[in-house]
Amino acid sequence: MLNHRSALLLLRERSSRLGLMVLLLVASLAGDSNAAGPTPSFTPVQIALLPVAQIFRSDVPVRGMRLNLVFGAQDDVVGLDVGFFNDVQESVSGIGAGVVNLSHGDATGIQMAMSNSVEGRFRGIQVGLSNVNEGRLRGVQLGAVNVTEDGSGFQLGLYNRASSMKGIQLGLINFNHNGFLPFFPFINFGF
């Protein structure tokens, strides 16, 4: 019969073995990213430890799920993008959940992280401590800090900023250069 202490030691030993097995699996599947061989047109599953240690190269589109154990970089993702640091170079559509979601191109769907950043157009919902969209926003930003260049939709946070936004801002500080007033506390809007 196991006592409480023995059960904890057994659980700790098994969880560390599982973590080691996952790392070995990713490392063995990643192999040499420059190795010759056919490149698939897409993959339904991608697992990444780092951009240099992932199952498929970053230029193979993901159509399904990507799991980033530490930091994953991919050109194109459609589906579920989960992990610590999710980086997409071109476009992402679906659900992104992690500590950081970063899209250098366009994004569509739901982003949930401590920090969400989109350099291109964004359509959907961003939920996080900070939500930054350098392109055109069509949707909702919910966070402590919400920033967009141009948009239509809704921002709810402590600090909301938009160069030009058609929609409503609710927060302690609201900047909308084309709004009711360029700055207005608690609520600002532009149409």
C-alpha atoms as a PDB file:
ATOM      1  CA  MET A   1       0.000   0.000   0.000  1.00  0.00           C
ATOM      2  CA  LEU A   2       1.322   3.458  -0.919  1.00  0.00           C
ATOM      3  CA  ASN A   3       1.404   6.185   1.658  1.00  0.00           C
ATOM      4  CA  HIS A   4       1.037   9.856   0.755  1.00  0.00           C
ATOM      5  CA  ARG A   5       4.793  10.489   0.458  1.00  0.00           C
ATOM      6  CA  SER A   6       5.408   7.410  -1.715  1.00  0.00           C
ATOM      7  CA  ALA A   7       2.534   8.370  -4.013  1.00  0.00           C
ATOM      8  CA  LEU A   8       3.984  11.867  -4.487  1.00  0.00           C
ATOM      9  CA  LEU A   9       7.442  10.485  -5.292  1.00  0.00           C
ATOM     10  CA  LEU A  10       5.958   8.044  -7.814  1.00  0.00           C
ATOM     11  CA  LEU A  11       3.911  10.805  -9.460  1.00  0.00           C
ATOM     12  CA  ARG A  12       6.955  13.114  -9.674  1.00  0.00           C
ATOM     13  CA  GLU A  13       9.075  10.340 -11.215  1.00  0.00           C
ATOM     14  CA  ARG A  14       6.423   9.496 -13.838  1.00  0.00           C
ATOM     15  CA  SER A  15       5.793  13.143 -14.803  1.00  0.00           C
ATOM     16  CA  SER A  16       9.521  13.790 -15.291  1.00  0.00           C
ATOM     17  CA  ARG A  17       9.747  10.636 -17.440  1.00  0.00           C
ATOM     18  CA  LEU A  18       6.815  11.861 -19.554  1.00  0.00           C
ATOM     19  CA  GLY A  19       8.475  15.248 -20.066  1.00  0.00           C
ATOM     20  CA  LEU A  20      11.725  13.591 -21.092  1.00  0.00           C
ATOM     21  CA  MET A  21       9.865  11.304 -23.515  1.00  0.00           C
ATOM     22  CA  VAL A  22       8.137  14.293 -25.168  1.00  0.00           C
ATOM     23  CA  LEU A  23      11.459  16.119 -25.575  1.00  0.00           C
ATOM     24  CA  LEU A  24      13.115  13.037 -27.067  1.00  0.00           C
ATOM     25  CA  LEU A  25      10.176  12.522 -29.431  1.00  0.00           C
ATOM     26  CA  VAL A  26      10.342  16.107 -30.698  1.00  0.00           C
ATOM     27  CA  ALA A  27      14.119  15.947 -31.076  1.00  0.00           C
ATOM     28  CA  SER A  28      14.024  12.647 -32.944  1.00  0.00           C
ATOM     29  CA  LEU A  29      11.199  13.715 -35.239  1.00  0.00           C
ATOM     30  CA  ALA A  30      12.714  17.114 -35.952  1.00  0.00           C
ATOM     31  CA  GLY A  31      15.922  15.658 -37.339  1.00  0.00           C
ATOM     32  CA  ASP A  32      17.851  17.890 -39.707  1.00  0.00           C
ATOM     33  CA  SER A  33      15.543  20.617 -41.037  1.00  0.00           C
ATOM     34  CA  ASN A  34      17.764  20.915 -44.112  1.00  0.00           C
ATOM     35  CA  ALA A  35      17.613  17.186 -44.912  1.00  0.00           C
ATOM     36  CA  ALA A  36      16.700  16.286 -48.464  1.00  0.00           C
ATOM     37  CA  GLY A  37      13.406  14.573 -49.090  1.00  0.00           C
ATOM     38  CA  PRO A  38       9.868  15.333 -50.159  1.00  0.00           C
ATOM     39  CA  THR A  39       8.153  18.213 -48.426  1.00  0.00           C
ATOM     40  CA  PRO A  40       4.470  17.638 -47.668  1.00  0.00           C
ATOM     41  CA  SER A  41       1.969  20.201 -48.993  1.00  0.00           C
ATOM     42  CA  PHE A  42       0.660  20.592 -45.423  1.00  0.00           C
ATOM     43  CA  THR A  43       0.646  18.832 -42.074  1.00  0.00           C
ATOM     44  CA  PRO A  44      -2.296  18.164 -39.740  1.00  0.00           C
ATOM     45  CA  VAL A  45      -0.041  18.208 -36.652  1.00  0.00           C
ATOM     46  CA  GLN A  46       3.081  20.176 -35.810  1.00  0.00           C
ATOM     47  CA  ILE A  47       5.034  19.916 -32.545  1.00  0.00           C
ATOM     48  CA  ALA A  48       7.838  22.362 -31.876  1.00  0.00           C
ATOM     49  CA  LEU A  49      10.335  22.706 -29.075  1.00  0.00           C
ATOM     50  CA  LEU A  50      12.154  25.533 -30.880  1.00  0.00           C
ATOM     51  CA  PRO A  51      12.065  26.623 -34.556  1.00  0.00           C
ATOM     52  CA  VAL A  52      15.156  24.470 -35.175  1.00  0.00           C
ATOM     53  CA  ALA A  53      13.626  21.494 -33.338  1.00  0.00           C
ATOM     54  CA  GLN A  54      10.183  20.851 -34.732  1.00  0.00           C
ATOM     55  CA  ILE A  55       8.660  17.964 -36.682  1.00  0.00           C
ATOM     56  CA  PHE A  56       8.168  19.853 -39.957  1.00  0.00           C
ATOM     57  CA  ARG A  57       9.968  22.879 -41.355  1.00  0.00           C
ATOM     58  CA  SER A  58       8.399  26.276 -40.814  1.00  0.00           C
ATOM     59  CA  ASP A  59       7.432  26.613 -44.495  1.00  0.00           C
ATOM     60  CA  VAL A  60       5.083  23.584 -44.322  1.00  0.00           C
ATOM     61  CA  PRO A  61       1.556  24.921 -43.643  1.00  0.00           C
ATOM     62  CA  VAL A  62      -0.283  23.538 -40.613  1.00  0.00           C
ATOM     63  CA  ARG A  63      -3.929  22.563 -41.197  1.00  0.00           C
ATOM     64  CA  GLY A  64      -5.017  21.205 -37.849  1.00  0.00           C
ATOM     65  CA  MET A  65      -3.064  21.713 -34.625  1.00  0.00           C
ATOM     66  CA  ARG A  66       0.316  23.132 -33.694  1.00  0.00           C
ATOM     67  CA  LEU A  67       1.782  22.593 -30.227  1.00  0.00           C
ATOM     68  CA  ASN A  68       4.678  24.871 -29.261  1.00  0.00           C
ATOM     69  CA  LEU A  69       6.392  23.503 -26.170  1.00  0.00           C
ATOM     70  CA  VAL A  70       8.667  26.546 -25.918  1.00  0.00           C
ATOM     71  CA  PHE A  71       8.764  28.608 -29.134  1.00  0.00           C
ATOM     72  CA  GLY A  72       7.309  27.669 -32.484  1.00  0.00           C
ATOM     73  CA  ALA A  73       7.635  29.555 -35.779  1.00  0.00           C
ATOM     74  CA  GLN A  74       5.499  28.671 -38.782  1.00  0.00           C
ATOM     75  CA  ASP A  75       4.654  30.493 -42.025  1.00  0.00           C
ATOM     76  CA  ASP A  76       0.963  29.557 -42.099  1.00  0.00           C
ATOM     77  CA  VAL A  77      -1.420  28.008 -39.536  1.00  0.00           C
ATOM     78  CA  VAL A  78      -5.112  27.138 -39.858  1.00  0.00           C
ATOM     79  CA  GLY A  79      -6.715  25.525 -36.812  1.00  0.00           C
ATOM     80  CA  LEU A  80      -5.575  25.350 -33.198  1.00  0.00           C
ATOM     81  CA  ASP A  81      -2.274  27.041 -32.290  1.00  0.00           C
ATOM     82  CA  VAL A  82      -1.339  26.264 -28.681  1.00  0.00           C
ATOM     83  CA  GLY A  83       1.845  26.841 -26.744  1.00  0.00           C
ATOM     84  CA  PHE A  84       4.110  29.149 -24.864  1.00  0.00           C
ATOM     85  CA  PHE A  85       5.248  31.423 -27.733  1.00  0.00           C
ATOM     86  CA  ASN A  86       3.247  31.129 -30.986  1.00  0.00           C
ATOM     87  CA  ASP A  87       4.877  32.925 -33.942  1.00  0.00           C
ATOM     88  CA  VAL A  88       3.307  32.971 -37.432  1.00  0.00           C
ATOM     89  CA  GLN A  89       5.091  34.688 -40.322  1.00  0.00           C
ATOM     90  CA  GLU A  90       2.312  34.966 -42.936  1.00  0.00           C
ATOM     91  CA  SER A  91      -1.267  34.188 -41.861  1.00  0.00           C
ATOM     92  CA  VAL A  92      -3.120  32.439 -39.075  1.00  0.00           C
ATOM     93  CA  SER A  93      -6.790  31.451 -38.878  1.00  0.00           C
ATOM     94  CA  GLY A  94      -8.418  29.727 -35.938  1.00  0.00           C
ATOM     95  CA  ILE A  95      -7.731  29.772 -32.218  1.00  0.00           C
ATOM     96  CA  GLY A  96      -4.407  30.855 -30.746  1.00  0.00           C
ATOM     97  CA  ALA A  97      -3.843  30.201 -27.050  1.00  0.00           C
ATOM     98  CA  GLY A  98      -0.577  30.732 -25.231  1.00  0.00           C
ATOM     99  CA  VAL A  99       1.531  33.230 -23.349  1.00  0.00           C
ATOM    100  CA  VAL A 100       2.393  35.162 -26.546  1.00  0.00           C
ATOM    101  CA  ASN A 101       0.584  35.097 -29.916  1.00  0.00           C
ATOM    102  CA  LEU A 102       2.510  36.913 -32.630  1.00  0.00           C
ATOM    103  CA  SER A 103       1.377  37.215 -36.258  1.00  0.00           C
ATOM    104  CA  HIS A 104       3.533  39.077 -38.768  1.00  0.00           C
ATOM    105  CA  GLY A 105       0.764  38.885 -41.382  1.00  0.00           C
ATOM    106  CA  ASP A 106      -3.021  38.694 -41.239  1.00  0.00           C
ATOM    107  CA  ALA A 107      -4.969  36.865 -38.530  1.00  0.00           C
ATOM    108  CA  THR A 108      -8.554  35.667 -38.230  1.00  0.00           C
ATOM    109  CA  GLY A 109     -10.271  34.050 -35.258  1.00  0.00           C
ATOM    110  CA  ILE A 110      -9.637  34.140 -31.530  1.00  0.00           C
ATOM    111  CA  GLN A 111      -6.362  35.030 -29.829  1.00  0.00           C
ATOM    112  CA  MET A 112      -6.032  34.382 -26.088  1.00  0.00           C
ATOM    113  CA  ALA A 113      -2.696  35.135 -24.428  1.00  0.00           C
ATOM    114  CA  MET A 114      -0.970  37.489 -22.071  1.00  0.00           C
ATOM    115  CA  SER A 115       0.191  39.376 -25.179  1.00  0.00           C
ATOM    116  CA  ASN A 116      -1.391  39.293 -28.657  1.00  0.00           C
ATOM    117  CA  SER A 117       0.180  41.118 -31.590  1.00  0.00           C
ATOM    118  CA  VAL A 118      -0.870  41.252 -35.252  1.00  0.00           C
ATOM    119  CA  GLU A 119       1.097  43.247 -37.818  1.00  0.00           C
ATOM    120  CA  GLY A 120      -1.473  42.833 -40.618  1.00  0.00           C
ATOM    121  CA  ARG A 121      -5.274  42.825 -40.674  1.00  0.00           C
ATOM    122  CA  PHE A 122      -7.146  41.166 -37.834  1.00  0.00           C
ATOM    123  CA  ARG A 123     -10.727  39.859 -37.811  1.00  0.00           C
ATOM    124  CA  GLY A 124     -12.014  38.351 -34.595  1.00  0.00           C
ATOM    125  CA  ILE A 125     -11.506  38.610 -30.846  1.00  0.00           C
ATOM    126  CA  GLN A 126      -8.298  39.301 -28.933  1.00  0.00           C
ATOM    127  CA  VAL A 127      -8.266  38.595 -25.185  1.00  0.00           C
ATOM    128  CA  GLY A 128      -5.126  39.337 -23.172  1.00  0.00           C
ATOM    129  CA  LEU A 129      -3.261  41.761 -20.970  1.00  0.00           C
ATOM    130  CA  SER A 130      -2.061  43.562 -24.097  1.00  0.00           C
ATOM    131  CA  ASN A 131      -3.601  43.422 -27.570  1.00  0.00           C
ATOM    132  CA  VAL A 132      -1.794  45.242 -30.369  1.00  0.00           C
ATOM    133  CA  ASN A 133      -2.892  45.405 -33.984  1.00  0.00           C
ATOM    134  CA  GLU A 134      -0.715  47.416 -36.363  1.00  0.00           C
ATOM    135  CA  GLY A 135      -3.090  46.906 -39.287  1.00  0.00           C
ATOM    136  CA  ARG A 136      -6.839  47.041 -39.639  1.00  0.00           C
ATOM    137  CA  LEU A 137      -9.015  45.640 -36.810  1.00  0.00           C
ATOM    138  CA  ARG A 138     -12.474  44.217 -37.451  1.00  0.00           C
ATOM    139  CA  GLY A 139     -13.649  42.858 -34.139  1.00  0.00           C
ATOM    140  CA  VAL A 140     -13.126  43.063 -30.404  1.00  0.00           C
ATOM    141  CA  GLN A 141     -10.149  43.693 -28.142  1.00  0.00           C
ATOM    142  CA  LEU A 142     -10.525  42.837 -24.438  1.00  0.00           C
ATOM    143  CA  GLY A 143      -7.506  43.562 -22.252  1.00  0.00           C
ATOM    144  CA  ALA A 144      -5.697  45.958 -19.982  1.00  0.00           C
ATOM    145  CA  VAL A 145      -4.039  47.639 -23.009  1.00  0.00           C
ATOM    146  CA  ASN A 146      -5.675  47.638 -26.462  1.00  0.00           C
ATOM    147  CA  VAL A 147      -4.053  49.328 -29.456  1.00  0.00           C
ATOM    148  CA  THR A 148      -5.009  49.418 -33.130  1.00  0.00           C
ATOM    149  CA  GLU A 149      -4.148  51.707 -36.026  1.00  0.00           C
ATOM    150  CA  ASP A 150      -7.425  51.538 -37.915  1.00  0.00           C
ATOM    151  CA  GLY A 151     -10.487  49.627 -36.949  1.00  0.00           C
ATOM    152  CA  SER A 152     -14.122  49.017 -36.468  1.00  0.00           C
ATOM    153  CA  GLY A 153     -15.478  47.229 -33.469  1.00  0.00           C
ATOM    154  CA  PHE A 154     -15.114  47.399 -29.715  1.00  0.00           C
ATOM    155  CA  GLN A 155     -12.273  47.926 -27.238  1.00  0.00           C
ATOM    156  CA  LEU A 156     -12.673  47.228 -23.509  1.00  0.00           C
ATOM    157  CA  GLY A 157      -9.686  47.885 -21.257  1.00  0.00           C
ATOM    158  CA  LEU A 158      -7.869  50.275 -18.968  1.00  0.00           C
ATOM    159  CA  TYR A 159      -6.068  51.939 -21.896  1.00  0.00           C
ATOM    160  CA  ASN A 160      -7.546  51.937 -25.421  1.00  0.00           C
ATOM    161  CA  ARG A 161      -5.893  53.644 -28.385  1.00  0.00           C
ATOM    162  CA  ALA A 162      -6.813  53.860 -32.047  1.00  0.00           C
ATOM    163  CA  SER A 163      -5.612  56.185 -34.768  1.00  0.00           C
ATOM    164  CA  SER A 164      -8.983  55.803 -36.445  1.00  0.00           C
ATOM    165  CA  MET A 165     -11.767  53.594 -35.131  1.00  0.00           C
ATOM    166  CA  LYS A 166     -15.434  53.239 -35.923  1.00  0.00           C
ATOM    167  CA  GLY A 167     -16.942  51.756 -32.835  1.00  0.00           C
ATOM    168  CA  ILE A 168     -16.915  52.040 -29.066  1.00  0.00           C
ATOM    169  CA  GLN A 169     -14.088  52.229 -26.539  1.00  0.00           C
ATOM    170  CA  LEU A 170     -14.799  51.567 -22.858  1.00  0.00           C
ATOM    171  CA  GLY A 171     -11.946  52.145 -20.449  1.00  0.00           C
ATOM    172  CA  LEU A 172     -10.157  54.444 -18.072  1.00  0.00           C
ATOM    173  CA  ILE A 173      -8.222  56.150 -20.906  1.00  0.00           C
ATOM    174  CA  ASN A 174      -9.551  56.168 -24.481  1.00  0.00           C
ATOM    175  CA  PHE A 175      -7.766  57.693 -27.486  1.00  0.00           C
ATOM    176  CA  ASN A 176      -9.442  57.763 -30.890  1.00  0.00           C
ATOM    177  CA  HIS A 177      -8.106  60.492 -33.176  1.00  0.00           C
ATOM    178  CA  ASN A 178     -11.304  60.312 -35.245  1.00  0.00           C
ATOM    179  CA  GLY A 179     -13.630  59.734 -32.296  1.00  0.00           C
ATOM    180  CA  PHE A 180     -16.205  61.837 -30.484  1.00  0.00           C
ATOM    181  CA  LEU A 181     -13.166  63.550 -28.964  1.00  0.00           C
ATOM    182  CA  PRO A 182      -9.519  62.574 -29.559  1.00  0.00           C
ATOM    183  CA  PHE A 183      -9.315  61.688 -25.851  1.00  0.00           C
ATOM    184  CA  PHE A 184     -12.129  60.934 -23.488  1.00  0.00           C
ATOM    185  CA  PRO A 185     -12.156  58.942 -20.235  1.00  0.00           C
ATOM    186  CA  PHE A 186     -14.524  56.020 -19.599  1.00  0.00           C
ATOM    187  CA  ILE A 187     -16.171  56.000 -23.045  1.00  0.00           C
ATOM    188  CA  ASN A 188     -15.304  57.183 -26.537  1.00  0.00           C
ATOM    189  CA  PHE A 189     -16.815  56.371 -29.893  1.00  0.00           C
ATOM    190  CA  GLY A 190     -16.477  57.140 -33.554  1.00  0.00           C
ATOM    191  CA  PHE A 191     -18.768  56.478 -36.515  1.00  0.00           C
END
